[in-house]
Amino acid sequence: MQYWDTFLNAYKGYASYLWREITNPDWHNYFYWLIIVSVFFFVLEVVLPWRKKQAIPRKDFWLDAFYMFFNFFLFSLIIYNAASSVFVDLFNDGIKAVFSFDLQAMNPMNSWPMWAILLVGMVVRDFTQWWIHRLLHRVDWLWEYHKVHHSVEQMGFAAQLRYHWMENIVYRTLEYIPLALLGIGLYDFFVIHIFALAWGHFNHANITVSGRVSGAVVGALIGIILANGLLDVTIFNHFPVIGKWGVFFGSVAAGILLLGPVMRKLFNSPEMHIWHHAHDLPEDHRYGVNFGLTLAVWDYIFGTAYVPSSGRDIKLGFPGVEEFPKGFVGQNVHGFGTKKGTM
C-alpha cells in the first residue's frame, strides 16, 4: 500500500510541478531553461550555420521540437515519474534492508562541497550513459528503439531529443543506481541535467567552433562560479567587483589556453558526433562509433573514437532509413513486435 500511495502521489505531485513550471517562469525553472537553451542554439544555427545549404527550419524540425517536450515533460507526467518514484523507494528500502545503510542520511558525499558532488555526479552519470548507449547499439531489440534517434537525416540541436520513450526507461533506470549509491540528490541531478542538455544541444547543432572557443565557454562557466561564490566556492566572496571580473576573465583565458587544445578530446562536439549518426559505418565498428554524450574521453579510452574528416556533408541515418516511419506515432510504436535486425 505504501508504494501504491507513492505511485499516486507522484502523479499528483508531478502534475502540480509541471503546472508551476509553465505558469511561474524563473531562473530555477527547467521548462524555461529548455526553451532558453533551445532558442540560443537555434539562433546560432541561423547566424552561423555549419551546413549553409541546410534548410531553416531543417527537415523534421517541428517533429523534433515536439519530441523535446514529450520526452522531458509529457512522458514524465504520463508514465515515468510515478513509476520511477516507486523504483527509488524500493531501491532505497532494499539497500536499508540488506546493508542497514541509509543512502541519503549516511552517504559520505553529504559532507562534500557542492562543486565536488556535481563534478563527480556528472562524470559518473556520463560514464554510465556511455555504456548504456553502447548497449542500445549492441543489443538487437534495443537497437530497434534507438533507431528512432538515428532516423534523423538532417542534423540540428533539436535532434538530441528525438528518441523512443523506451530509452527514457532504460537510461533513467540504469543510471539511477550509481547516482543513488553516490547520494546524488534531486537538485544535484537537476544541475547536472541542465549542463548535459546544453552540451547535447551543442553536439547535435548545425554549428562548428574551434576547441579554443568551447574552452573559453567552459572557462567562463567556471569563472562565474568562482567569482560569485556559487556551488560552495567561497574563496573569492570578499573580492571587490574589479577582482571578481579579474577572476572571470582569468578563467576564460585559462579555458582558451589550457582547455582549448584538448577540448575535442575531453568533450563531445558536432564534428565528432556527426560521425555517430553516419549512414555508413566503418567495417571495424559495425555497431557504431563516438558513443559519448557529454564527454569524448571514454571513446578515446575504449577505442571507439572515429573522426576521419570534418563530416559536414556525410549522409545520415542507417540502411533502410528511407522506409522507417516518419511520424511520431509510427516511430513510437516501432520496436514492439518488430522483426529484430542488426546494424
Protein backbone atom coordinates (compact mmCIF):
# COMPACT_ATOMS: atom_id res chain seq x y z
CA MET A 1 0.00 0.00 0.00
CA GLN A 2 2.93 2.34 0.75
CA TYR A 3 4.24 2.02 -2.81
CA TRP A 4 0.77 2.46 -4.33
CA ASP A 5 0.42 5.71 -2.38
CA THR A 6 3.86 6.75 -3.64
CA PHE A 7 2.71 6.00 -7.20
CA LEU A 8 -0.45 8.10 -6.88
CA ASN A 9 1.24 10.96 -5.04
CA ALA A 10 3.97 11.10 -7.67
CA TYR A 11 1.37 11.64 -10.40
CA LYS A 12 -0.34 14.39 -8.42
CA GLY A 13 2.97 15.98 -7.40
CA TYR A 14 4.41 15.99 -10.89
CA ALA A 15 1.24 17.42 -12.42
CA SER A 16 1.37 20.29 -9.92
CA TYR A 17 5.10 20.74 -10.53
CA LEU A 18 4.62 20.89 -14.31
CA TRP A 19 1.84 23.45 -13.99
CA ARG A 20 4.03 25.61 -11.72
CA GLU A 21 6.90 25.30 -14.20
CA ILE A 22 4.74 26.62 -17.05
CA THR A 23 2.96 29.37 -15.12
CA ASN A 24 5.84 30.64 -12.93
CA PRO A 25 8.96 31.30 -15.02
CA ASP A 26 12.16 31.91 -13.04
CA TRP A 27 15.87 31.06 -13.18
CA HIS A 28 15.36 27.73 -11.40
CA ASN A 29 12.68 26.61 -13.84
CA TYR A 30 13.61 23.62 -16.00
CA PHE A 31 10.79 24.18 -18.51
CA TYR A 32 12.07 27.62 -19.45
CA TRP A 33 15.72 26.54 -19.31
CA LEU A 34 14.84 24.05 -22.05
CA ILE A 35 13.31 26.87 -24.10
CA ILE A 36 16.18 29.32 -23.45
CA VAL A 37 18.89 26.80 -24.35
CA SER A 38 16.96 25.70 -27.44
CA VAL A 39 16.38 29.25 -28.69
CA PHE A 40 20.07 30.06 -28.12
CA PHE A 41 21.24 27.19 -30.34
CA PHE A 42 18.53 27.87 -32.92
CA VAL A 43 19.83 31.43 -33.28
CA LEU A 44 23.40 30.13 -33.64
CA GLU A 45 22.26 27.72 -36.36
CA VAL A 46 20.62 30.59 -38.24
CA VAL A 47 23.52 33.04 -37.85
CA LEU A 48 26.50 30.66 -38.04
CA PRO A 49 25.39 27.50 -39.86
CA TRP A 50 27.96 24.78 -40.48
CA ARG A 51 25.95 23.30 -43.37
CA LYS A 52 24.99 26.52 -45.09
CA LYS A 53 22.70 24.85 -47.65
CA GLN A 54 20.60 23.11 -44.99
CA ALA A 55 17.06 24.48 -44.83
CA ILE A 56 15.89 26.66 -41.91
CA PRO A 57 14.00 25.17 -40.24
CA ARG A 58 15.58 21.90 -41.29
CA LYS A 59 13.76 18.71 -42.24
CA ASP A 60 11.67 17.33 -39.34
CA PHE A 61 12.47 20.30 -37.08
CA TRP A 62 8.91 20.56 -35.75
CA LEU A 63 8.74 16.81 -35.12
CA ASP A 64 11.92 17.05 -33.05
CA ALA A 65 10.58 20.12 -31.23
CA PHE A 66 7.56 18.07 -30.15
CA TYR A 67 9.88 15.28 -29.02
CA MET A 68 11.68 17.79 -26.79
CA PHE A 69 8.59 18.49 -24.74
CA PHE A 70 7.21 14.96 -24.89
CA ASN A 71 10.36 13.23 -23.65
CA PHE A 72 11.21 15.81 -20.99
CA PHE A 73 7.74 16.64 -19.70
CA LEU A 74 4.71 14.82 -21.10
CA PHE A 75 6.22 11.35 -20.85
CA SER A 76 7.20 12.01 -17.25
CA LEU A 77 3.65 13.12 -16.50
CA ILE A 78 2.02 10.17 -18.24
CA ILE A 79 4.23 7.27 -17.19
CA TYR A 80 7.76 7.67 -15.97
CA ASN A 81 7.64 9.91 -12.92
CA ALA A 82 5.22 7.81 -10.90
CA ALA A 83 6.87 4.50 -11.77
CA SER A 84 10.35 5.87 -11.06
CA SER A 85 9.27 7.18 -7.65
CA VAL A 86 8.22 3.66 -6.70
CA PHE A 87 11.52 2.27 -8.01
CA VAL A 88 13.50 4.82 -5.98
CA ASP A 89 11.66 3.85 -2.77
CA LEU A 90 12.09 0.15 -3.47
CA PHE A 91 15.79 0.58 -4.20
CA ASN A 92 16.47 2.68 -1.10
CA ASP A 93 14.43 0.34 1.12
CA GLY A 94 16.29 -2.65 -0.35
CA ILE A 95 19.66 -1.08 0.47
CA LYS A 96 18.50 -0.37 4.03
CA ALA A 97 17.19 -3.92 4.48
CA VAL A 98 20.26 -5.69 3.11
CA PHE A 99 23.09 -3.40 4.23
CA SER A 100 21.46 -1.33 7.01
CA PHE A 101 22.68 1.76 5.14
CA ASP A 102 20.59 4.88 4.52
CA LEU A 103 21.77 6.30 1.19
CA GLN A 104 20.53 9.79 1.94
CA ALA A 105 21.44 10.12 5.62
CA MET A 106 24.72 8.21 5.82
CA ASN A 107 26.41 8.79 2.48
CA PRO A 108 29.91 10.29 2.96
CA MET A 109 29.39 12.65 0.00
CA ASN A 110 26.92 14.62 2.13
CA SER A 111 29.90 16.47 3.61
CA TRP A 112 31.48 17.26 0.24
CA PRO A 113 31.27 20.76 -1.27
CA MET A 114 28.60 21.19 -3.92
CA TRP A 115 31.08 21.61 -6.80
CA ALA A 116 32.70 18.26 -5.97
CA ILE A 117 29.34 16.47 -5.76
CA LEU A 118 28.27 17.89 -9.13
CA LEU A 119 31.61 17.12 -10.79
CA VAL A 120 31.65 13.51 -9.59
CA GLY A 121 27.95 13.13 -10.41
CA MET A 122 28.43 14.47 -13.94
CA VAL A 123 31.39 12.18 -14.67
CA VAL A 124 29.74 9.07 -13.19
CA ARG A 125 26.46 9.74 -14.97
CA ASP A 126 28.18 10.35 -18.31
CA PHE A 127 30.29 7.19 -17.95
CA THR A 128 27.17 5.17 -17.14
CA GLN A 129 25.31 6.66 -20.10
CA TRP A 130 28.25 5.86 -22.40
CA TRP A 131 27.88 2.15 -21.60
CA ILE A 132 24.08 2.30 -21.89
CA HIS A 133 24.46 3.98 -25.29
CA ARG A 134 26.77 1.17 -26.45
CA LEU A 135 24.17 -1.32 -25.21
CA LEU A 136 21.47 0.36 -27.33
CA HIS A 137 23.60 -0.23 -30.40
CA ARG A 138 24.81 -3.73 -29.49
CA VAL A 139 21.57 -5.45 -28.42
CA ASP A 140 19.26 -6.00 -31.39
CA TRP A 141 15.92 -5.36 -29.64
CA LEU A 142 17.24 -2.18 -28.01
CA TRP A 143 18.62 -1.01 -31.35
CA GLU A 144 15.12 -1.16 -32.82
CA TYR A 145 14.05 1.50 -30.30
CA HIS A 146 17.25 3.51 -30.74
CA LYS A 147 16.63 3.67 -34.50
CA VAL A 148 14.19 6.49 -33.77
CA HIS A 149 17.09 8.73 -32.77
CA HIS A 150 19.14 7.64 -35.77
CA SER A 151 16.28 8.31 -38.20
CA VAL A 152 17.41 11.96 -38.23
CA GLU A 153 18.51 12.79 -41.78
CA GLN A 154 19.40 16.47 -41.26
CA MET A 155 21.26 17.35 -38.08
CA GLY A 156 20.25 20.17 -35.75
CA PHE A 157 20.16 20.86 -31.99
CA ALA A 158 16.62 19.50 -31.51
CA ALA A 159 17.66 16.11 -32.91
CA GLN A 160 19.11 15.38 -29.47
CA LEU A 161 15.60 14.92 -28.09
CA ARG A 162 14.23 12.68 -30.85
CA TYR A 163 14.30 9.28 -29.20
CA HIS A 164 11.90 6.46 -28.38
CA TRP A 165 10.20 6.71 -24.99
CA MET A 166 11.66 3.30 -24.07
CA GLU A 167 15.06 4.98 -23.91
CA ASN A 168 13.81 7.08 -21.00
CA ILE A 169 13.11 3.90 -19.10
CA VAL A 170 16.41 2.22 -19.99
CA TYR A 171 18.62 5.25 -19.31
CA ARG A 172 16.92 6.53 -16.17
CA THR A 173 16.62 3.10 -14.56
CA LEU A 174 20.24 2.07 -15.13
CA GLU A 175 21.80 5.48 -14.44
CA TYR A 176 19.88 5.92 -11.18
CA ILE A 177 21.68 3.09 -9.38
CA PRO A 178 25.24 4.55 -9.39
CA LEU A 179 23.92 8.06 -8.73
CA ALA A 180 21.84 6.84 -5.79
CA LEU A 181 24.82 4.96 -4.37
CA LEU A 182 26.75 8.25 -4.51
CA GLY A 183 23.91 10.05 -2.72
CA ILE A 184 23.21 12.42 -5.64
CA GLY A 185 20.04 14.35 -4.74
CA LEU A 186 17.29 15.81 -6.91
CA TYR A 187 18.80 19.31 -7.04
CA ASP A 188 22.24 17.92 -7.88
CA PHE A 189 20.69 15.91 -10.69
CA PHE A 190 18.84 19.00 -11.92
CA VAL A 191 22.07 20.99 -12.33
CA ILE A 192 23.86 18.06 -14.00
CA HIS A 193 20.90 17.56 -16.32
CA ILE A 194 20.86 21.22 -17.41
CA PHE A 195 24.56 21.05 -18.29
CA ALA A 196 24.09 17.76 -20.17
CA LEU A 197 21.09 19.24 -22.01
CA ALA A 198 23.09 22.25 -23.19
CA TRP A 199 26.06 20.13 -24.28
CA GLY A 200 23.77 17.68 -26.06
CA HIS A 201 22.20 20.57 -27.98
CA PHE A 202 25.71 21.68 -28.92
CA ASN A 203 26.75 18.20 -30.14
CA HIS A 204 23.77 17.97 -32.47
CA ALA A 205 23.69 21.61 -33.58
CA ASN A 206 24.40 22.77 -37.13
CA ILE A 207 27.38 24.85 -35.98
CA THR A 208 31.12 24.39 -35.71
CA VAL A 209 33.53 26.12 -33.34
CA SER A 210 37.19 25.68 -32.51
CA GLY A 211 38.36 23.95 -29.35
CA ARG A 212 39.55 27.31 -28.04
CA VAL A 213 36.06 28.79 -28.33
CA SER A 214 34.44 25.89 -26.50
CA GLY A 215 37.28 26.02 -23.96
CA ALA A 216 36.52 29.70 -23.42
CA VAL A 217 32.86 28.84 -22.75
CA VAL A 218 33.80 26.24 -20.14
CA GLY A 219 36.28 28.72 -18.64
CA ALA A 220 33.54 31.37 -18.49
CA LEU A 221 31.21 28.99 -16.62
CA ILE A 222 33.95 28.19 -14.12
CA GLY A 223 34.71 31.91 -13.80
CA ILE A 224 31.08 32.73 -13.00
CA ILE A 225 31.03 30.01 -10.32
CA LEU A 226 34.28 31.21 -8.75
CA ALA A 227 33.56 34.94 -8.88
CA ASN A 228 30.07 34.62 -7.42
CA GLY A 229 30.75 32.01 -4.77
CA LEU A 230 28.32 29.54 -6.31
CA LEU A 231 28.33 25.81 -5.53
CA ASP A 232 30.02 26.38 -2.16
CA VAL A 233 33.09 28.00 -3.73
CA THR A 234 33.51 30.98 -1.39
CA ILE A 235 37.21 31.81 -1.65
CA PHE A 236 36.56 34.89 -3.82
CA ASN A 237 33.44 36.13 -1.99
CA HIS A 238 35.23 39.11 -0.42
CA PHE A 239 36.92 40.28 -3.61
CA PRO A 240 35.92 43.75 -4.88
CA VAL A 241 33.98 43.91 -8.13
CA ILE A 242 37.11 44.52 -10.20
CA GLY A 243 38.72 41.49 -8.56
CA LYS A 244 35.74 39.30 -9.47
CA TRP A 245 35.94 40.48 -13.07
CA GLY A 246 39.61 39.55 -12.97
CA VAL A 247 38.72 36.04 -11.77
CA PHE A 248 36.17 35.72 -14.57
CA PHE A 249 38.47 36.83 -17.38
CA GLY A 250 41.33 34.81 -15.91
CA SER A 251 39.16 31.70 -16.08
CA VAL A 252 38.21 32.48 -19.69
CA ALA A 253 41.90 32.88 -20.58
CA ALA A 254 42.73 29.61 -18.82
CA GLY A 255 39.94 27.89 -20.73
CA ILE A 256 41.34 29.14 -24.03
CA LEU A 257 45.00 28.36 -23.29
CA LEU A 258 44.74 25.20 -21.19
CA LEU A 259 41.49 23.54 -22.26
CA GLY A 260 41.38 24.80 -25.86
CA PRO A 261 43.99 22.42 -27.32
CA VAL A 262 42.38 19.34 -25.70
CA MET A 263 38.67 20.23 -25.71
CA ARG A 264 37.83 17.90 -28.59
CA LYS A 265 39.50 15.02 -26.75
CA LEU A 266 37.71 15.79 -23.49
CA PHE A 267 34.26 16.85 -24.66
CA ASN A 268 31.95 15.75 -27.46
CA SER A 269 31.47 18.16 -30.39
CA PRO A 270 29.36 18.49 -33.55
CA GLU A 271 32.37 17.44 -35.62
CA MET A 272 32.69 14.23 -33.60
CA HIS A 273 29.05 13.41 -33.03
CA ILE A 274 28.09 13.74 -36.70
CA TRP A 275 30.04 10.53 -37.31
CA HIS A 276 27.94 8.73 -34.71
CA HIS A 277 24.95 9.41 -36.97
CA ALA A 278 26.73 8.39 -40.18
CA HIS A 279 24.67 6.23 -42.53
CA ASP A 280 27.74 4.20 -43.48
CA LEU A 281 29.85 2.91 -40.60
CA PRO A 282 33.46 1.71 -40.80
CA GLU A 283 33.76 -2.07 -41.20
CA ASP A 284 35.67 -2.50 -37.95
CA HIS A 285 32.97 -0.61 -35.99
CA ARG A 286 29.73 -2.07 -37.35
CA TYR A 287 27.92 -1.36 -34.05
CA GLY A 288 28.75 2.32 -34.05
CA VAL A 289 31.34 4.92 -33.07
CA ASN A 290 31.59 8.00 -30.84
CA PHE A 291 29.11 6.96 -28.15
CA GLY A 292 29.94 9.82 -25.78
CA LEU A 293 27.07 12.10 -24.73
CA THR A 294 28.94 14.92 -23.00
CA LEU A 295 32.49 13.65 -22.64
CA ALA A 296 34.53 12.32 -25.57
CA VAL A 297 37.25 10.86 -23.41
CA TRP A 298 35.51 7.47 -22.99
CA ASP A 299 35.61 6.86 -26.75
CA TYR A 300 39.32 7.59 -26.86
CA ILE A 301 39.97 5.36 -23.84
CA PHE A 302 37.96 2.40 -25.14
CA GLY A 303 38.87 2.69 -28.83
CA THR A 304 35.52 3.78 -30.31
CA ALA A 305 36.58 7.30 -31.34
CA TYR A 306 36.31 7.90 -35.09
CA VAL A 307 36.73 11.31 -36.74
CA PRO A 308 38.34 10.71 -40.17
CA SER A 309 37.34 14.15 -41.51
CA SER A 310 35.01 17.06 -40.71
CA GLY A 311 31.92 15.01 -41.66
CA ARG A 312 29.97 18.13 -42.52
CA ASP A 313 28.14 16.70 -45.54
CA ILE A 314 28.04 12.96 -44.87
CA LYS A 315 24.81 11.02 -45.31
CA LEU A 316 22.98 10.43 -42.01
CA GLY A 317 20.74 7.62 -40.82
CA PHE A 318 21.11 3.87 -41.26
CA PRO A 319 20.49 1.30 -44.03
CA GLY A 320 16.72 1.24 -44.54
CA VAL A 321 16.06 4.68 -43.02
CA GLU A 322 14.06 5.61 -46.12
CA GLU A 323 11.37 3.08 -45.12
CA PHE A 324 11.43 3.97 -41.41
CA PRO A 325 8.21 5.56 -40.02
CA LYS A 326 8.23 9.35 -40.49
CA GLY A 327 5.58 10.34 -37.95
CA PHE A 328 5.62 10.48 -34.16
CA VAL A 329 3.10 7.67 -33.58
CA GLY A 330 4.70 5.30 -36.05
CA GLN A 331 8.14 5.89 -34.58
CA ASN A 332 6.97 5.34 -31.00
CA VAL A 333 5.23 2.03 -31.64
CA HIS A 334 8.25 0.84 -33.62
CA GLY A 335 10.20 -1.86 -31.84
CA PHE A 336 7.16 -3.67 -30.43
CA GLY A 337 6.71 -6.82 -32.47
CA THR A 338 9.28 -5.58 -34.97
CA LYS A 339 11.49 -8.24 -36.52
CA LYS A 340 14.80 -7.61 -34.84
CA GLY A 341 17.72 -6.89 -37.12
CA THR A 342 21.31 -5.79 -36.87
CA MET A 343 23.15 -2.60 -37.69
